[in-house]
């Protein structure tokens, strides 16, 4: 059985490793020159030398917002050092350790860009790939495919009224590399997620004045310096020199930093692949993973507010049970009903379609359900428990939460060391 893997980041690497262990013939297509996906730092922004979008959103000094004790993969943990929150460089090094330990590099075709994926027959896939160095195209047929192209590379930027009038500079966190861009500026940071908090903190160190705009119902109690104003009000419109907010106030700015998330993009999928995206809701998927219309295609890592790499490994193992025929899928009608129930439940909770794959406190149940359905080894519940603890700390103590260190006591218990 031949399986294609698109991308050699966290999802692609564990897809390759688990597929090889299942006895499958694996080919990984990676458009850059190295593994690591989103953890690879690149100074460049915009386009690379082949005219392709720069994938990485990594910026200088980035540290993880989850402790290393729950990162890594179920059978290969991040080890070494006393600190729980580690640098992006260390995470990238871990990916290289993982690839070398399981001898994955020989299955990866670097500088190979997937141009098109389309159905072939009832269950197979035709994959057209461009060898970027040779500028040659090849077509291959695969029995199954893992889509692991990452979801932090296509910026989502709101199109505010008056945006064309604004004379200052605009950047998205995807293109942010270091705080020098904010030196002496009047900065508007839009968003209060991890990147929004990091950019606000960085800007505060060098900017003249910073406003962080967000719509949290309860404003985060963050001891930012006095040159930072946190505003629980959305931007209503932009002007030539600044912005007007939903509370009726206005401020002048010289640069706007959009920390407004990312959008799913699968430019290589033909329209007959059986899935579509509406407001970041990828559908129809069984368990946020398998393409219900053509279940030999799996999307790895689209859920957010999760322990990403651990979840990716679980999703890969889930998909492989059905790819290999070890488990029989429910009927198409039952899978569609399952998806409908899940999205209806989310909408009733007040979530928008944009949060159709949002997990947060639901992730523990999601992990349990996947393991039970596919009869695979579950993730230890302590992973989700500690993740919930960290998310709470991020909201209450964004400036200091990374100073804590943790130890996993058993599958259900963790200990805060400092």
Protein backbone atom coordinates (compact mmCIF):
# COMPACT_ATOMS: atom_id res chain seq x y z
CA UNK A 1 0.00 0.00 0.00
CA UNK A 2 1.44 3.35 -1.08
CA UNK A 3 0.79 6.43 1.03
CA UNK A 4 1.67 10.05 0.25
CA UNK A 5 2.42 12.55 3.00
CA UNK A 6 2.29 16.26 2.21
CA UNK A 7 4.66 18.19 4.49
CA UNK A 8 7.55 17.25 6.77
CA UNK A 9 6.56 19.17 9.87
CA UNK A 10 5.22 17.60 13.06
CA UNK A 11 2.23 16.00 11.35
CA UNK A 12 4.13 14.77 8.33
CA UNK A 13 6.92 13.21 10.36
CA UNK A 14 4.63 11.22 12.64
CA UNK A 15 2.48 10.25 9.63
CA UNK A 16 5.59 8.83 7.96
CA UNK A 17 6.82 7.07 11.10
CA UNK A 18 3.50 5.41 11.92
CA UNK A 19 2.82 4.48 8.29
CA UNK A 20 6.20 2.80 7.99
CA UNK A 21 5.55 0.86 11.19
CA UNK A 22 2.23 -0.27 9.67
CA UNK A 23 4.15 -1.71 6.72
CA UNK A 24 3.16 0.91 4.15
CA UNK A 25 5.31 2.35 1.36
CA UNK A 26 5.76 6.04 2.21
CA UNK A 27 6.70 9.13 0.23
CA UNK A 28 6.87 12.50 1.97
CA UNK A 29 6.78 15.66 -0.15
CA UNK A 30 8.34 18.75 1.45
CA UNK A 31 8.56 21.99 -0.52
CA UNK A 32 11.42 23.48 1.54
CA UNK A 33 14.93 22.18 2.13
CA UNK A 34 14.43 20.88 5.67
CA UNK A 35 12.09 19.29 8.16
CA UNK A 36 10.29 21.05 10.99
CA UNK A 37 7.49 22.97 9.29
CA UNK A 38 6.35 25.91 11.38
CA UNK A 39 9.31 25.56 13.76
CA UNK A 40 11.83 26.55 11.09
CA UNK A 41 12.93 30.18 11.47
CA UNK A 42 13.50 32.11 8.26
CA UNK A 43 14.48 35.76 8.00
CA UNK A 44 12.69 36.03 4.67
CA UNK A 45 9.05 36.99 4.39
CA UNK A 46 6.73 36.94 1.40
CA UNK A 47 7.97 34.63 -1.36
CA UNK A 48 10.93 32.25 -1.52
CA UNK A 49 13.34 31.85 -4.43
CA UNK A 50 10.82 29.61 -6.23
CA UNK A 51 7.99 32.12 -5.94
CA UNK A 52 6.22 30.10 -3.23
CA UNK A 53 4.85 31.63 -0.04
CA UNK A 54 7.24 31.51 2.93
CA UNK A 55 5.73 28.90 5.22
CA UNK A 56 7.26 29.79 8.57
CA UNK A 57 5.65 32.21 11.04
CA UNK A 58 8.48 31.90 13.56
CA UNK A 59 9.90 35.05 15.19
CA UNK A 60 13.07 35.71 17.14
CA UNK A 61 13.03 34.73 20.79
CA UNK A 62 9.86 32.67 20.57
CA UNK A 63 9.40 30.21 23.42
CA UNK A 64 6.76 27.53 23.60
CA UNK A 65 3.47 28.34 25.29
CA UNK A 66 3.13 24.72 26.39
CA UNK A 67 5.55 22.84 28.65
CA UNK A 68 7.80 20.31 26.94
CA UNK A 69 6.38 17.60 29.21
CA UNK A 70 3.22 17.45 27.07
CA UNK A 71 4.80 18.27 23.73
CA UNK A 72 6.68 15.78 21.61
CA UNK A 73 5.04 12.50 20.59
CA UNK A 74 3.57 9.67 22.69
CA UNK A 75 6.53 7.38 22.07
CA UNK A 76 9.25 10.03 21.82
CA UNK A 77 9.32 12.78 24.43
CA UNK A 78 11.28 16.02 24.55
CA UNK A 79 14.00 15.51 27.14
CA UNK A 80 16.89 17.43 28.68
CA UNK A 81 17.05 20.64 30.64
CA UNK A 82 15.19 21.76 33.72
CA UNK A 83 12.97 24.34 32.03
CA UNK A 84 9.49 23.28 30.94
CA UNK A 85 9.04 26.11 28.43
CA UNK A 86 11.71 25.86 25.79
CA UNK A 87 12.95 27.78 22.77
CA UNK A 88 11.69 27.22 19.24
CA UNK A 89 15.23 26.17 18.34
CA UNK A 90 15.04 23.32 20.85
CA UNK A 91 11.71 22.18 19.40
CA UNK A 92 13.21 22.18 15.91
CA UNK A 93 16.17 20.17 17.22
CA UNK A 94 13.70 17.68 18.69
CA UNK A 95 12.13 17.18 15.26
CA UNK A 96 15.55 16.36 13.86
CA UNK A 97 16.14 13.90 16.70
CA UNK A 98 12.80 12.24 15.96
CA UNK A 99 13.50 12.00 12.23
CA UNK A 100 16.94 10.50 12.85
CA UNK A 101 15.77 8.08 15.54
CA UNK A 102 13.15 6.57 13.22
CA UNK A 103 15.28 6.94 10.07
CA UNK A 104 12.72 9.06 8.26
CA UNK A 105 14.88 11.28 6.06
CA UNK A 106 15.33 8.73 3.30
CA UNK A 107 11.58 8.78 2.66
CA UNK A 108 11.40 12.57 2.29
CA UNK A 109 11.64 14.33 -1.06
CA UNK A 110 12.87 17.84 -0.24
CA UNK A 111 12.25 20.78 -2.57
CA UNK A 112 9.21 18.94 -3.93
CA UNK A 113 6.06 21.05 -4.16
CA UNK A 114 2.70 19.28 -4.47
CA UNK A 115 0.89 21.04 -7.29
CA UNK A 116 -2.29 19.01 -7.53
CA UNK A 117 -4.07 16.15 -5.79
CA UNK A 118 -7.09 14.63 -7.49
CA UNK A 119 -9.08 11.39 -7.15
CA UNK A 120 -8.01 8.36 -9.15
CA UNK A 121 -10.64 5.68 -9.47
CA UNK A 122 -12.77 4.81 -6.45
CA UNK A 123 -10.25 5.26 -3.65
CA UNK A 124 -6.80 6.19 -4.98
CA UNK A 125 -5.12 9.56 -5.52
CA UNK A 126 -3.19 11.08 -8.40
CA UNK A 127 -0.50 13.45 -7.11
CA UNK A 128 1.30 15.91 -9.39
CA UNK A 129 4.58 17.16 -7.90
CA UNK A 130 7.13 19.73 -9.05
CA UNK A 131 10.81 19.09 -8.30
CA UNK A 132 11.77 22.69 -7.57
CA UNK A 133 15.51 22.27 -8.13
CA UNK A 134 15.11 20.48 -11.48
CA UNK A 135 11.88 22.26 -12.44
CA UNK A 136 10.42 18.93 -13.47
CA UNK A 137 6.94 17.54 -12.91
CA UNK A 138 6.04 13.95 -12.05
CA UNK A 139 2.72 12.22 -11.43
CA UNK A 140 2.26 9.26 -9.08
CA UNK A 141 -0.67 7.18 -7.86
CA UNK A 142 -1.19 6.55 -4.13
CA UNK A 143 -3.63 4.40 -2.19
CA UNK A 144 -3.97 6.88 0.67
CA UNK A 145 -2.86 10.39 1.52
CA UNK A 146 -2.09 12.41 4.64
CA UNK A 147 -2.56 16.18 4.30
CA UNK A 148 0.00 17.69 6.71
CA UNK A 149 0.71 21.06 5.10
CA UNK A 150 0.36 23.06 8.32
CA UNK A 151 -2.13 25.72 9.26
CA UNK A 152 -0.04 28.66 10.45
CA UNK A 153 1.17 29.97 7.12
CA UNK A 154 -1.80 31.64 5.39
CA UNK A 155 -2.63 34.85 7.30
CA UNK A 156 -6.22 35.78 8.04
CA UNK A 157 -6.50 39.57 8.01
CA UNK A 158 -9.76 41.47 8.56
CA UNK A 159 -10.68 43.92 5.83
CA UNK A 160 -11.78 46.89 7.93
CA UNK A 161 -13.63 49.82 6.35
CA UNK A 162 -11.12 52.53 5.52
CA UNK A 163 -8.19 50.14 5.34
CA UNK A 164 -7.08 51.55 2.00
CA UNK A 165 -6.93 55.01 3.58
CA UNK A 166 -4.45 54.07 6.30
CA UNK A 167 -1.03 55.57 5.52
CA UNK A 168 0.98 53.66 8.09
CA UNK A 169 2.52 50.22 7.85
CA UNK A 170 0.58 46.96 8.26
CA UNK A 171 2.04 43.56 9.11
CA UNK A 172 0.59 40.21 10.10
CA UNK A 173 2.24 38.16 12.84
CA UNK A 174 3.12 35.66 10.10
CA UNK A 175 5.68 38.18 8.79
CA UNK A 176 6.90 39.34 12.21
CA UNK A 177 10.53 38.49 12.93
CA UNK A 178 11.85 40.88 15.62
CA UNK A 179 10.80 43.88 17.73
CA UNK A 180 12.96 46.38 15.81
CA UNK A 181 10.01 46.96 13.47
CA UNK A 182 8.20 48.70 16.37
CA UNK A 183 11.04 50.98 17.48
CA UNK A 184 9.75 54.49 18.16
CA UNK A 185 6.36 53.74 16.58
CA UNK A 186 2.76 54.11 17.70
CA UNK A 187 1.58 50.52 17.49
CA UNK A 188 -1.83 48.90 17.28
CA UNK A 189 -1.79 45.16 18.01
CA UNK A 190 -5.04 43.46 17.06
CA UNK A 191 -5.58 40.19 18.90
CA UNK A 192 -4.88 38.74 22.34
CA UNK A 193 -3.88 35.17 21.56
CA UNK A 194 -0.33 33.92 22.20
CA UNK A 195 1.19 35.89 19.30
CA UNK A 196 -0.84 39.00 20.18
CA UNK A 197 0.49 38.90 23.72
CA UNK A 198 4.06 38.26 22.57
CA UNK A 199 4.01 41.10 20.03
CA UNK A 200 2.46 43.50 22.55
CA UNK A 201 5.18 42.62 25.05
CA UNK A 202 7.91 43.06 22.43
CA UNK A 203 6.47 46.34 21.15
CA UNK A 204 6.21 47.73 24.69
CA UNK A 205 10.00 47.48 25.02
CA UNK A 206 10.78 49.74 22.05
CA UNK A 207 7.63 51.57 20.90
CA UNK A 208 6.43 55.02 21.86
CA UNK A 209 2.86 53.84 22.51
CA UNK A 210 0.99 50.53 22.12
CA UNK A 211 -2.71 49.69 22.04
CA UNK A 212 -3.79 46.06 22.16
CA UNK A 213 -7.31 45.62 20.82
CA UNK A 214 -9.25 42.46 21.65
CA UNK A 215 -12.77 41.28 22.40
CA UNK A 216 -12.28 39.19 25.51
CA UNK A 217 -15.34 39.44 27.73
CA UNK A 218 -13.07 39.62 30.77
CA UNK A 219 -9.94 41.67 29.97
CA UNK A 220 -6.70 39.83 30.80
CA UNK A 221 -4.98 41.23 33.87
CA UNK A 222 -1.56 41.74 32.35
CA UNK A 223 1.03 44.03 34.01
CA UNK A 224 2.24 45.55 30.76
CA UNK A 225 4.36 48.74 30.98
CA UNK A 226 2.61 52.11 31.18
CA UNK A 227 3.01 52.75 27.47
CA UNK A 228 0.55 49.91 26.76
CA UNK A 229 -3.22 50.42 26.69
CA UNK A 230 -5.35 47.29 26.60
CA UNK A 231 -8.67 47.99 24.95
CA UNK A 232 -11.64 45.58 25.17
CA UNK A 233 -13.05 47.01 21.97
CA UNK A 234 -12.87 45.96 18.36
CA UNK A 235 -11.66 48.11 15.53
CA UNK A 236 -14.66 49.58 13.70
CA UNK A 237 -12.76 51.30 10.91
CA UNK A 238 -9.36 52.61 9.95
CA UNK A 239 -8.53 56.21 9.09
CA UNK A 240 -5.56 57.82 7.39
CA UNK A 241 -3.65 58.03 10.65
CA UNK A 242 -5.19 55.44 12.96
CA UNK A 243 -8.31 53.58 14.03
CA UNK A 244 -11.77 54.07 15.50
CA UNK A 245 -12.95 51.51 18.06
CA UNK A 246 -16.33 50.07 19.00
CA UNK A 247 -16.31 52.01 22.30
CA UNK A 248 -16.33 55.26 20.32
CA UNK A 249 -12.69 56.14 21.01
CA UNK A 250 -9.98 56.69 18.42
CA UNK A 251 -6.18 56.67 18.40
CA UNK A 252 -3.43 57.48 15.96
CA UNK A 253 -0.97 54.78 14.87
CA UNK A 254 2.01 54.42 12.58
CA UNK A 255 1.94 50.62 12.37
CA UNK A 256 -0.74 47.94 12.78
CA UNK A 257 0.17 44.37 13.73
CA UNK A 258 -2.56 41.85 12.90
CA UNK A 259 -2.45 38.88 15.28
CA UNK A 260 -5.69 37.63 13.85
CA UNK A 261 -4.94 34.02 13.12
CA UNK A 262 -4.69 31.95 9.99
CA UNK A 263 -6.94 30.38 7.40
CA UNK A 264 -6.96 26.85 6.10
CA UNK A 265 -5.66 26.64 2.58
CA UNK A 266 -5.26 23.58 0.37
CA UNK A 267 -4.45 25.06 -3.05
CA UNK A 268 -3.32 21.69 -4.37
CA UNK A 269 -6.67 19.91 -3.86
CA UNK A 270 -8.84 19.60 -6.95
CA UNK A 271 -12.51 20.52 -6.58
CA UNK A 272 -13.57 16.87 -6.82
CA UNK A 273 -11.60 15.77 -3.75
CA UNK A 274 -14.83 15.93 -1.76
CA UNK A 275 -14.11 18.61 0.85
CA UNK A 276 -14.61 22.36 1.08
CA UNK A 277 -13.73 25.18 3.48
CA UNK A 278 -16.21 27.78 4.70
CA UNK A 279 -14.98 30.32 7.26
CA UNK A 280 -12.25 27.86 8.30
CA UNK A 281 -14.74 25.02 8.70
CA UNK A 282 -13.32 22.09 6.74
CA UNK A 283 -16.09 19.67 5.82
CA UNK A 284 -17.20 16.93 5.69
CA UNK A 285 -14.78 15.28 8.09
CA UNK A 286 -15.21 12.31 10.39
CA UNK A 287 -13.70 13.08 13.79
CA UNK A 288 -12.10 16.27 12.39
CA UNK A 289 -9.77 14.02 10.41
CA UNK A 290 -11.08 11.69 7.68
CA UNK A 291 -12.56 12.95 4.42
CA UNK A 292 -16.06 11.43 4.65
CA UNK A 293 -16.59 11.51 0.88
CA UNK A 294 -13.25 9.85 0.17
CA UNK A 295 -11.94 8.31 3.44
CA UNK A 296 -8.51 7.37 2.11
CA UNK A 297 -7.60 11.04 2.70
CA UNK A 298 -6.81 12.30 6.20
CA UNK A 299 -6.24 15.86 7.37
CA UNK A 300 -3.79 16.00 10.25
CA UNK A 301 -3.66 18.83 12.78
CA UNK A 302 -6.56 21.08 11.82
CA UNK A 303 -7.93 21.24 15.39
CA UNK A 304 -6.72 24.21 17.43
CA UNK A 305 -6.23 24.95 21.12
CA UNK A 306 -4.83 21.45 21.54
CA UNK A 307 -1.62 19.63 22.38
CA UNK A 308 -0.82 19.68 18.70
CA UNK A 309 1.91 17.07 18.12
CA UNK A 310 0.38 14.54 20.52
CA UNK A 311 -2.99 14.96 18.81
CA UNK A 312 -1.43 14.64 15.35
CA UNK A 313 0.10 11.30 16.27
CA UNK A 314 -3.27 10.12 17.58
CA UNK A 315 -5.04 11.25 14.40
CA UNK A 316 -2.47 9.46 12.22
CA UNK A 317 -2.88 6.23 14.17
CA UNK A 318 -6.66 6.66 13.96
CA UNK A 319 -6.58 7.10 10.18
CA UNK A 320 -4.20 4.18 9.63
CA UNK A 321 -6.60 1.76 11.29
CA UNK A 322 -9.10 2.52 8.52
CA UNK A 323 -6.58 2.95 5.70
CA UNK A 324 -5.24 -0.55 6.36
CA UNK A 325 -8.64 -2.17 6.85
CA UNK A 326 -7.98 -3.15 10.45
CA UNK A 327 -11.14 -1.29 11.40
CA UNK A 328 -14.27 -0.77 9.34
CA UNK A 329 -15.61 2.74 8.99
CA UNK A 330 -19.18 3.59 9.99
CA UNK A 331 -21.56 4.17 7.10
CA UNK A 332 -21.29 7.47 5.25
CA UNK A 333 -24.68 8.47 6.69
CA UNK A 334 -23.50 7.77 10.24
CA UNK A 335 -20.29 9.72 9.74
CA UNK A 336 -22.21 12.69 8.35
CA UNK A 337 -24.63 12.50 11.29
CA UNK A 338 -21.69 12.47 13.69
CA UNK A 339 -20.23 15.56 12.07
CA UNK A 340 -23.59 17.33 12.07
CA UNK A 341 -24.08 16.60 15.76
CA UNK A 342 -20.62 17.97 16.56
CA UNK A 343 -20.99 21.23 14.63
CA UNK A 344 -24.54 21.79 15.91
CA UNK A 345 -23.32 21.34 19.48
CA UNK A 346 -20.61 23.93 18.91
CA UNK A 347 -22.95 26.46 17.34
CA UNK A 348 -25.37 26.07 20.26
CA UNK A 349 -22.50 26.91 22.60
CA UNK A 350 -22.13 30.22 20.79
CA UNK A 351 -19.07 29.29 18.72
CA UNK A 352 -18.87 30.47 15.13
CA UNK A 353 -18.02 28.37 12.08
CA UNK A 354 -14.51 29.77 12.37
CA UNK A 355 -14.20 27.76 15.60
CA UNK A 356 -15.65 24.56 14.16
CA UNK A 357 -12.39 22.74 14.96
CA UNK A 358 -11.70 24.50 18.27
CA UNK A 359 -11.08 22.05 21.11
CA UNK A 360 -9.82 23.62 24.34
CA UNK A 361 -11.46 21.85 27.27
CA UNK A 362 -13.15 19.42 24.83
CA UNK A 363 -9.87 17.91 23.68
CA UNK A 364 -9.67 15.25 26.40
CA UNK A 365 -13.04 13.83 25.34
CA UNK A 366 -12.01 14.08 21.68
CA UNK A 367 -8.84 12.09 22.38
CA UNK A 368 -10.81 9.44 24.27
CA UNK A 369 -13.40 9.11 21.50
CA UNK A 370 -10.79 8.68 18.76
CA UNK A 371 -8.90 6.05 20.73
CA UNK A 372 -12.10 4.12 21.50
CA UNK A 373 -13.46 4.25 17.93
CA UNK A 374 -10.21 3.04 16.35
CA UNK A 375 -9.12 0.78 19.22
CA UNK A 376 -5.75 2.51 19.57
CA UNK A 377 -3.63 3.48 22.57
CA UNK A 378 -5.12 6.65 24.09
CA UNK A 379 -3.21 9.71 25.23
CA UNK A 380 -2.70 10.02 28.98
CA UNK A 381 -5.48 12.25 30.42
CA UNK A 382 -2.85 14.33 32.24
CA UNK A 383 -1.88 15.90 28.91
CA UNK A 384 -5.26 17.60 28.49
CA UNK A 385 -5.46 18.40 32.23
CA UNK A 386 -2.14 20.23 32.21
CA UNK A 387 -3.02 21.96 28.94
CA UNK A 388 -6.15 23.40 30.59
CA UNK A 389 -4.05 24.62 33.52
CA UNK A 390 -1.62 26.38 31.17
CA UNK A 391 -4.41 28.04 29.18
CA UNK A 392 -5.79 29.47 32.41
CA UNK A 393 -2.36 30.78 33.39
CA UNK A 394 -1.85 32.40 29.99
CA UNK A 395 -4.97 34.48 30.53
CA UNK A 396 -4.15 35.41 34.12
CA UNK A 397 -0.36 35.75 34.07
CA UNK A 398 0.88 36.10 30.51
CA UNK A 399 4.12 37.76 31.60
CA UNK A 400 5.18 35.03 34.01
CA UNK A 401 3.53 31.72 33.14
CA UNK A 402 6.63 30.44 31.34
CA UNK A 403 8.65 30.71 34.56
CA UNK A 404 6.91 27.65 36.00
CA UNK A 405 8.21 24.13 35.62
CA UNK A 406 6.24 20.90 35.67
CA UNK A 407 6.61 17.18 36.20
CA UNK A 408 4.19 14.46 35.10
CA UNK A 409 3.59 12.20 38.10
CA UNK A 410 1.41 9.61 36.35
CA UNK A 411 -1.21 9.38 33.59
CA UNK A 412 -3.63 11.55 35.59
CA UNK A 413 -1.48 13.82 37.74
CA UNK A 414 1.12 16.54 37.29
CA UNK A 415 3.20 18.49 39.78
CA UNK A 416 4.17 22.16 39.57
CA UNK A 417 7.82 22.29 40.62
CA UNK A 418 8.34 26.08 40.67
